[in-house]
């Protein structure tokens, strides 16, 4: 039985718009310019602290005390409105359903806090498609430590020896490498990493190709 583990932000869905909106709540409170929803998407997918640091850096030196102060405010703002602009990438849910229909197990392993990830997937009416969801705070460690990946496979009812990681960043690639499983990286979405340069086991350009790609890597 195969287990396919997906990253969430930037892999299954474009969450950048809602993340940036939450960060801009913080910047408005600070009285400084916010982030752009057209040019800062890649930073948004790196998380709340990365967005806060980017906005502050445009005003001068980054005050880490301000980052720490506003991070929980950002999470609260995001949790209050986290699915207004978020959309799954074309074909993502259809591919997941195809994998399930043929007997594969599917899971999410994300560095988004688990409560927010669960809420987002419920809001988008897609949580029931996945056998397991592991967030940044499910375990004491997060990706690229392989432990969350192992836990995702375990909770999905799978076996690590027949599993793979689907992601969009070096973090996902490193997680797969440290777990000893194939790494599949998407080359679409708003991220700015050159995934080809990471030399993953496969590049995914459209979710319609995923079932056959998994079949080749995990026959």
C-alpha atoms as a PDB file:
ATOM      1  CA  UNK A   1       0.000   0.000   0.000  1.00  0.00           C
ATOM      2  CA  UNK A   2       1.455   3.353  -1.085  1.00  0.00           C
ATOM      3  CA  UNK A   3       1.271   6.520   1.035  1.00  0.00           C
ATOM      4  CA  UNK A   4       1.541   9.917  -0.638  1.00  0.00           C
ATOM      5  CA  UNK A   5       2.276  12.784   1.756  1.00  0.00           C
ATOM      6  CA  UNK A   6       1.562  16.338   0.627  1.00  0.00           C
ATOM      7  CA  UNK A   7       2.790  19.685   1.811  1.00  0.00           C
ATOM      8  CA  UNK A   8      -0.110  22.165   1.990  1.00  0.00           C
ATOM      9  CA  UNK A   9       0.888  25.786   1.327  1.00  0.00           C
ATOM     10  CA  UNK A  10       2.226  26.223  -2.193  1.00  0.00           C
ATOM     11  CA  UNK A  11       1.777  22.539  -3.038  1.00  0.00           C
ATOM     12  CA  UNK A  12      -1.891  21.646  -2.696  1.00  0.00           C
ATOM     13  CA  UNK A  13      -3.202  25.201  -2.449  1.00  0.00           C
ATOM     14  CA  UNK A  14      -2.240  28.817  -3.006  1.00  0.00           C
ATOM     15  CA  UNK A  15      -2.732  30.277   0.463  1.00  0.00           C
ATOM     16  CA  UNK A  16      -0.634  33.391  -0.111  1.00  0.00           C
ATOM     17  CA  UNK A  17      -3.504  35.874  -0.431  1.00  0.00           C
ATOM     18  CA  UNK A  18      -5.003  35.125   2.974  1.00  0.00           C
ATOM     19  CA  UNK A  19      -1.573  34.957   4.610  1.00  0.00           C
ATOM     20  CA  UNK A  20      -0.596  38.364   3.258  1.00  0.00           C
ATOM     21  CA  UNK A  21      -3.936  39.837   4.331  1.00  0.00           C
ATOM     22  CA  UNK A  22      -3.249  38.650   7.885  1.00  0.00           C
ATOM     23  CA  UNK A  23       0.266  40.103   7.853  1.00  0.00           C
ATOM     24  CA  UNK A  24      -1.096  43.416   6.609  1.00  0.00           C
ATOM     25  CA  UNK A  25      -3.365  43.612   9.654  1.00  0.00           C
ATOM     26  CA  UNK A  26      -0.155  43.731  11.687  1.00  0.00           C
ATOM     27  CA  UNK A  27       1.543  46.278   9.466  1.00  0.00           C
ATOM     28  CA  UNK A  28      -1.505  48.517   9.567  1.00  0.00           C
ATOM     29  CA  UNK A  29      -1.336  48.428  13.363  1.00  0.00           C
ATOM     30  CA  UNK A  30       2.351  49.349  13.179  1.00  0.00           C
ATOM     31  CA  UNK A  31       1.549  52.200  10.808  1.00  0.00           C
ATOM     32  CA  UNK A  32       3.831  50.963   8.031  1.00  0.00           C
ATOM     33  CA  UNK A  33       3.309  49.770   4.456  1.00  0.00           C
ATOM     34  CA  UNK A  34       1.982  46.267   3.995  1.00  0.00           C
ATOM     35  CA  UNK A  35       2.996  43.470   1.654  1.00  0.00           C
ATOM     36  CA  UNK A  36       1.878  43.144  -1.955  1.00  0.00           C
ATOM     37  CA  UNK A  37      -0.464  40.349  -2.966  1.00  0.00           C
ATOM     38  CA  UNK A  38       1.151  40.261  -6.415  1.00  0.00           C
ATOM     39  CA  UNK A  39       4.882  40.349  -5.615  1.00  0.00           C
ATOM     40  CA  UNK A  40       5.284  38.951  -2.090  1.00  0.00           C
ATOM     41  CA  UNK A  41       3.509  35.591  -2.448  1.00  0.00           C
ATOM     42  CA  UNK A  42       6.712  33.564  -2.187  1.00  0.00           C
ATOM     43  CA  UNK A  43       7.547  35.081   1.195  1.00  0.00           C
ATOM     44  CA  UNK A  44       4.003  34.429   2.399  1.00  0.00           C
ATOM     45  CA  UNK A  45       4.490  30.713   1.791  1.00  0.00           C
ATOM     46  CA  UNK A  46       7.521  30.763   4.085  1.00  0.00           C
ATOM     47  CA  UNK A  47       5.320  31.636   7.053  1.00  0.00           C
ATOM     48  CA  UNK A  48       4.193  34.419   9.310  1.00  0.00           C
ATOM     49  CA  UNK A  49       7.553  35.385  10.742  1.00  0.00           C
ATOM     50  CA  UNK A  50       9.073  35.610   7.270  1.00  0.00           C
ATOM     51  CA  UNK A  51       6.328  38.032   6.224  1.00  0.00           C
ATOM     52  CA  UNK A  52       6.793  40.172   9.319  1.00  0.00           C
ATOM     53  CA  UNK A  53      10.546  40.315   8.774  1.00  0.00           C
ATOM     54  CA  UNK A  54      10.100  41.301   5.128  1.00  0.00           C
ATOM     55  CA  UNK A  55       7.751  44.168   5.945  1.00  0.00           C
ATOM     56  CA  UNK A  56       9.961  45.425   8.759  1.00  0.00           C
ATOM     57  CA  UNK A  57      13.117  45.136   6.629  1.00  0.00           C
ATOM     58  CA  UNK A  58      11.640  47.618   4.172  1.00  0.00           C
ATOM     59  CA  UNK A  59      11.558  50.164   6.984  1.00  0.00           C
ATOM     60  CA  UNK A  60      15.120  49.503   8.141  1.00  0.00           C
ATOM     61  CA  UNK A  61      16.550  46.987  10.600  1.00  0.00           C
ATOM     62  CA  UNK A  62      14.316  44.114  11.663  1.00  0.00           C
ATOM     63  CA  UNK A  63      13.335  44.274  15.329  1.00  0.00           C
ATOM     64  CA  UNK A  64      12.910  40.647  16.409  1.00  0.00           C
ATOM     65  CA  UNK A  65      10.990  41.801  19.475  1.00  0.00           C
ATOM     66  CA  UNK A  66       8.350  43.220  17.126  1.00  0.00           C
ATOM     67  CA  UNK A  67       8.304  39.976  15.166  1.00  0.00           C
ATOM     68  CA  UNK A  68       7.661  38.069  18.385  1.00  0.00           C
ATOM     69  CA  UNK A  69       5.001  40.567  19.489  1.00  0.00           C
ATOM     70  CA  UNK A  70       3.042  40.514  16.262  1.00  0.00           C
ATOM     71  CA  UNK A  71       3.348  36.852  15.332  1.00  0.00           C
ATOM     72  CA  UNK A  72       0.425  35.734  17.557  1.00  0.00           C
ATOM     73  CA  UNK A  73      -1.589  38.720  16.300  1.00  0.00           C
ATOM     74  CA  UNK A  74      -0.924  37.582  12.729  1.00  0.00           C
ATOM     75  CA  UNK A  75      -2.034  34.030  13.554  1.00  0.00           C
ATOM     76  CA  UNK A  76      -5.228  35.346  15.146  1.00  0.00           C
ATOM     77  CA  UNK A  77      -5.996  37.503  12.105  1.00  0.00           C
ATOM     78  CA  UNK A  78      -5.278  34.597   9.783  1.00  0.00           C
ATOM     79  CA  UNK A  79      -7.436  32.193  11.763  1.00  0.00           C
ATOM     80  CA  UNK A  80     -10.337  34.619  11.592  1.00  0.00           C
ATOM     81  CA  UNK A  81     -10.269  34.727   7.785  1.00  0.00           C
ATOM     82  CA  UNK A  82      -8.068  32.003   6.352  1.00  0.00           C
ATOM     83  CA  UNK A  83     -10.050  30.759   3.354  1.00  0.00           C
ATOM     84  CA  UNK A  84     -11.381  33.888   1.643  1.00  0.00           C
ATOM     85  CA  UNK A  85      -8.780  33.864  -1.148  1.00  0.00           C
ATOM     86  CA  UNK A  86      -7.236  30.401  -0.861  1.00  0.00           C
ATOM     87  CA  UNK A  87      -7.769  28.019  -3.769  1.00  0.00           C
ATOM     88  CA  UNK A  88      -6.522  24.527  -4.542  1.00  0.00           C
ATOM     89  CA  UNK A  89      -4.267  24.264  -7.539  1.00  0.00           C
ATOM     90  CA  UNK A  90      -5.897  22.940 -10.684  1.00  0.00           C
ATOM     91  CA  UNK A  91      -6.473  19.210 -10.515  1.00  0.00           C
ATOM     92  CA  UNK A  92      -5.171  18.810  -6.948  1.00  0.00           C
ATOM     93  CA  UNK A  93      -8.264  17.335  -5.343  1.00  0.00           C
ATOM     94  CA  UNK A  94      -9.050  15.235  -8.395  1.00  0.00           C
ATOM     95  CA  UNK A  95      -5.567  13.698  -8.199  1.00  0.00           C
ATOM     96  CA  UNK A  96      -5.972  12.982  -4.497  1.00  0.00           C
ATOM     97  CA  UNK A  97      -9.306  11.287  -5.178  1.00  0.00           C
ATOM     98  CA  UNK A  98      -7.744   9.172  -7.934  1.00  0.00           C
ATOM     99  CA  UNK A  99      -5.015   8.039  -5.548  1.00  0.00           C
ATOM    100  CA  UNK A 100      -7.591   7.102  -2.929  1.00  0.00           C
ATOM    101  CA  UNK A 101      -9.778   5.292  -5.433  1.00  0.00           C
ATOM    102  CA  UNK A 102      -6.963   2.952  -6.384  1.00  0.00           C
ATOM    103  CA  UNK A 103      -6.194   2.155  -2.746  1.00  0.00           C
ATOM    104  CA  UNK A 104      -3.362   4.558  -1.923  1.00  0.00           C
ATOM    105  CA  UNK A 105      -3.232   6.387   1.405  1.00  0.00           C
ATOM    106  CA  UNK A 106      -2.906  10.176   1.372  1.00  0.00           C
ATOM    107  CA  UNK A 107      -1.802  12.566   4.111  1.00  0.00           C
ATOM    108  CA  UNK A 108      -0.787  16.181   4.687  1.00  0.00           C
ATOM    109  CA  UNK A 109       2.445  17.178   6.443  1.00  0.00           C
ATOM    110  CA  UNK A 110       2.685  20.944   6.803  1.00  0.00           C
ATOM    111  CA  UNK A 111       4.593  23.525   8.814  1.00  0.00           C
ATOM    112  CA  UNK A 112       1.356  25.453   9.294  1.00  0.00           C
ATOM    113  CA  UNK A 113       0.052  25.154  12.884  1.00  0.00           C
ATOM    114  CA  UNK A 114      -2.151  22.068  12.991  1.00  0.00           C
ATOM    115  CA  UNK A 115      -5.257  23.886  14.214  1.00  0.00           C
ATOM    116  CA  UNK A 116      -5.106  26.343  11.330  1.00  0.00           C
ATOM    117  CA  UNK A 117      -4.401  23.582   8.812  1.00  0.00           C
ATOM    118  CA  UNK A 118      -7.358  21.549  10.073  1.00  0.00           C
ATOM    119  CA  UNK A 119      -9.618  24.592   9.996  1.00  0.00           C
ATOM    120  CA  UNK A 120      -8.536  25.529   6.472  1.00  0.00           C
ATOM    121  CA  UNK A 121      -9.139  22.043   5.112  1.00  0.00           C
ATOM    122  CA  UNK A 122     -12.556  21.915   6.762  1.00  0.00           C
ATOM    123  CA  UNK A 123     -13.466  25.361   5.421  1.00  0.00           C
ATOM    124  CA  UNK A 124     -12.506  24.195   1.938  1.00  0.00           C
ATOM    125  CA  UNK A 125     -14.496  20.973   2.463  1.00  0.00           C
ATOM    126  CA  UNK A 126     -11.496  18.789   1.715  1.00  0.00           C
ATOM    127  CA  UNK A 127     -10.383  17.450   5.100  1.00  0.00           C
ATOM    128  CA  UNK A 128     -12.176  14.115   4.661  1.00  0.00           C
ATOM    129  CA  UNK A 129     -10.135  13.379   1.539  1.00  0.00           C
ATOM    130  CA  UNK A 130      -6.985  12.873   3.621  1.00  0.00           C
ATOM    131  CA  UNK A 131      -6.328  10.012   5.985  1.00  0.00           C
ATOM    132  CA  UNK A 132      -4.072  12.106   8.247  1.00  0.00           C
ATOM    133  CA  UNK A 133      -2.870  15.676   8.814  1.00  0.00           C
ATOM    134  CA  UNK A 134       0.303  16.607  10.690  1.00  0.00           C
ATOM    135  CA  UNK A 135       1.018  20.262  11.475  1.00  0.00           C
ATOM    136  CA  UNK A 136       3.971  22.241  12.756  1.00  0.00           C
ATOM    137  CA  UNK A 137       2.987  21.707  16.389  1.00  0.00           C
ATOM    138  CA  UNK A 138       1.745  18.106  16.250  1.00  0.00           C
ATOM    139  CA  UNK A 139       5.190  16.904  17.356  1.00  0.00           C
ATOM    140  CA  UNK A 140       8.017  18.734  19.169  1.00  0.00           C
ATOM    141  CA  UNK A 141       9.817  19.030  15.786  1.00  0.00           C
ATOM    142  CA  UNK A 142       8.739  20.125  12.325  1.00  0.00           C
ATOM    143  CA  UNK A 143       9.932  19.622   8.747  1.00  0.00           C
ATOM    144  CA  UNK A 144      12.665  19.181   7.559  1.00  0.00           C
ATOM    145  CA  UNK A 145      13.001  16.829  10.512  1.00  0.00           C
ATOM    146  CA  UNK A 146      11.606  13.547   9.117  1.00  0.00           C
ATOM    147  CA  UNK A 147       9.625  12.727  12.284  1.00  0.00           C
ATOM    148  CA  UNK A 148       6.448  14.579  11.147  1.00  0.00           C
ATOM    149  CA  UNK A 149       6.619  12.751   7.815  1.00  0.00           C
ATOM    150  CA  UNK A 150       6.926   9.401   9.592  1.00  0.00           C
ATOM    151  CA  UNK A 151       3.972  10.309  11.803  1.00  0.00           C
ATOM    152  CA  UNK A 152       1.859  11.311   8.799  1.00  0.00           C
ATOM    153  CA  UNK A 153       2.521   7.953   7.151  1.00  0.00           C
ATOM    154  CA  UNK A 154       1.812   6.091  10.389  1.00  0.00           C
ATOM    155  CA  UNK A 155      -1.488   7.873  11.032  1.00  0.00           C
ATOM    156  CA  UNK A 156      -2.539   7.313   7.434  1.00  0.00           C
ATOM    157  CA  UNK A 157      -2.055   3.595   7.947  1.00  0.00           C
ATOM    158  CA  UNK A 158       0.843   3.302   5.540  1.00  0.00           C
ATOM    159  CA  UNK A 159       4.444   2.126   5.483  1.00  0.00           C
ATOM    160  CA  UNK A 160       7.392   4.513   5.096  1.00  0.00           C
ATOM    161  CA  UNK A 161       9.137   2.015   2.813  1.00  0.00           C
ATOM    162  CA  UNK A 162       6.417   2.649   0.205  1.00  0.00           C
ATOM    163  CA  UNK A 163       5.812   6.382   0.557  1.00  0.00           C
ATOM    164  CA  UNK A 164       6.841   9.691  -0.989  1.00  0.00           C
ATOM    165  CA  UNK A 165       6.744  13.424  -0.275  1.00  0.00           C
ATOM    166  CA  UNK A 166       5.088  16.007  -2.542  1.00  0.00           C
ATOM    167  CA  UNK A 167       6.236  19.563  -1.905  1.00  0.00           C
ATOM    168  CA  UNK A 168       7.448  22.837  -3.341  1.00  0.00           C
ATOM    169  CA  UNK A 169      10.504  23.873  -1.317  1.00  0.00           C
ATOM    170  CA  UNK A 170      13.935  22.852  -0.075  1.00  0.00           C
ATOM    171  CA  UNK A 171      12.272  22.068   3.255  1.00  0.00           C
ATOM    172  CA  UNK A 172      10.054  19.423   1.636  1.00  0.00           C
ATOM    173  CA  UNK A 173      12.933  18.040  -0.424  1.00  0.00           C
ATOM    174  CA  UNK A 174      15.167  17.785   2.649  1.00  0.00           C
ATOM    175  CA  UNK A 175      12.371  16.084   4.577  1.00  0.00           C
ATOM    176  CA  UNK A 176      12.090  13.427   1.886  1.00  0.00           C
ATOM    177  CA  UNK A 177      15.839  12.934   1.698  1.00  0.00           C
ATOM    178  CA  UNK A 178      16.190  12.599   5.483  1.00  0.00           C
ATOM    179  CA  UNK A 179      13.249  10.172   5.541  1.00  0.00           C
ATOM    180  CA  UNK A 180      14.804   8.108   2.756  1.00  0.00           C
ATOM    181  CA  UNK A 181      11.816   8.437   0.419  1.00  0.00           C
ATOM    182  CA  UNK A 182      11.293   9.888  -3.080  1.00  0.00           C
ATOM    183  CA  UNK A 183      10.931  13.656  -3.378  1.00  0.00           C
ATOM    184  CA  UNK A 184       8.439  15.100  -5.882  1.00  0.00           C
ATOM    185  CA  UNK A 185       8.467  18.891  -6.199  1.00  0.00           C
ATOM    186  CA  UNK A 186       5.890  21.026  -8.003  1.00  0.00           C
ATOM    187  CA  UNK A 187       7.114  23.725 -10.369  1.00  0.00           C
ATOM    188  CA  UNK A 188       3.931  25.821 -10.387  1.00  0.00           C
ATOM    189  CA  UNK A 189       2.486  28.211  -7.840  1.00  0.00           C
ATOM    190  CA  UNK A 190       3.841  31.442  -6.382  1.00  0.00           C
ATOM    191  CA  UNK A 191       7.020  30.068  -4.805  1.00  0.00           C
ATOM    192  CA  UNK A 192      10.374  31.399  -5.982  1.00  0.00           C
ATOM    193  CA  UNK A 193      12.685  28.410  -5.444  1.00  0.00           C
ATOM    194  CA  UNK A 194      14.343  26.733  -8.424  1.00  0.00           C
ATOM    195  CA  UNK A 195      13.077  23.258  -7.653  1.00  0.00           C
ATOM    196  CA  UNK A 196      14.941  21.755 -10.614  1.00  0.00           C
ATOM    197  CA  UNK A 197      18.221  22.785  -8.999  1.00  0.00           C
ATOM    198  CA  UNK A 198      17.331  20.707  -5.925  1.00  0.00           C
ATOM    199  CA  UNK A 199      17.469  17.550  -8.062  1.00  0.00           C
ATOM    200  CA  UNK A 200      14.319  15.859  -6.737  1.00  0.00           C
ATOM    201  CA  UNK A 201      13.293  12.420  -7.915  1.00  0.00           C
ATOM    202  CA  UNK A 202      10.588  14.017 -10.069  1.00  0.00           C
ATOM    203  CA  UNK A 203       9.122  17.378 -11.045  1.00  0.00           C
ATOM    204  CA  UNK A 204       5.335  17.744 -11.117  1.00  0.00           C
ATOM    205  CA  UNK A 205       3.982  20.353 -13.522  1.00  0.00           C
ATOM    206  CA  UNK A 206       0.307  19.406 -13.329  1.00  0.00           C
ATOM    207  CA  UNK A 207      -1.626  17.333 -10.839  1.00  0.00           C
ATOM    208  CA  UNK A 208      -3.170  15.294 -13.651  1.00  0.00           C
ATOM    209  CA  UNK A 209       0.247  13.638 -14.013  1.00  0.00           C
ATOM    210  CA  UNK A 210       0.596  12.695 -10.344  1.00  0.00           C
ATOM    211  CA  UNK A 211      -1.047   9.242 -10.257  1.00  0.00           C
ATOM    212  CA  UNK A 212       1.164   7.931 -13.077  1.00  0.00           C
ATOM    213  CA  UNK A 213       4.234   9.584 -11.566  1.00  0.00           C
ATOM    214  CA  UNK A 214       3.634   7.910  -8.221  1.00  0.00           C
ATOM    215  CA  UNK A 215       3.131   4.591 -10.022  1.00  0.00           C
ATOM    216  CA  UNK A 216       6.590   4.933 -11.580  1.00  0.00           C
ATOM    217  CA  UNK A 217       8.348   5.897  -8.359  1.00  0.00           C
ATOM    218  CA  UNK A 218       6.488   3.459  -6.120  1.00  0.00           C
ATOM    219  CA  UNK A 219       5.538   0.513  -8.358  1.00  0.00           C
END
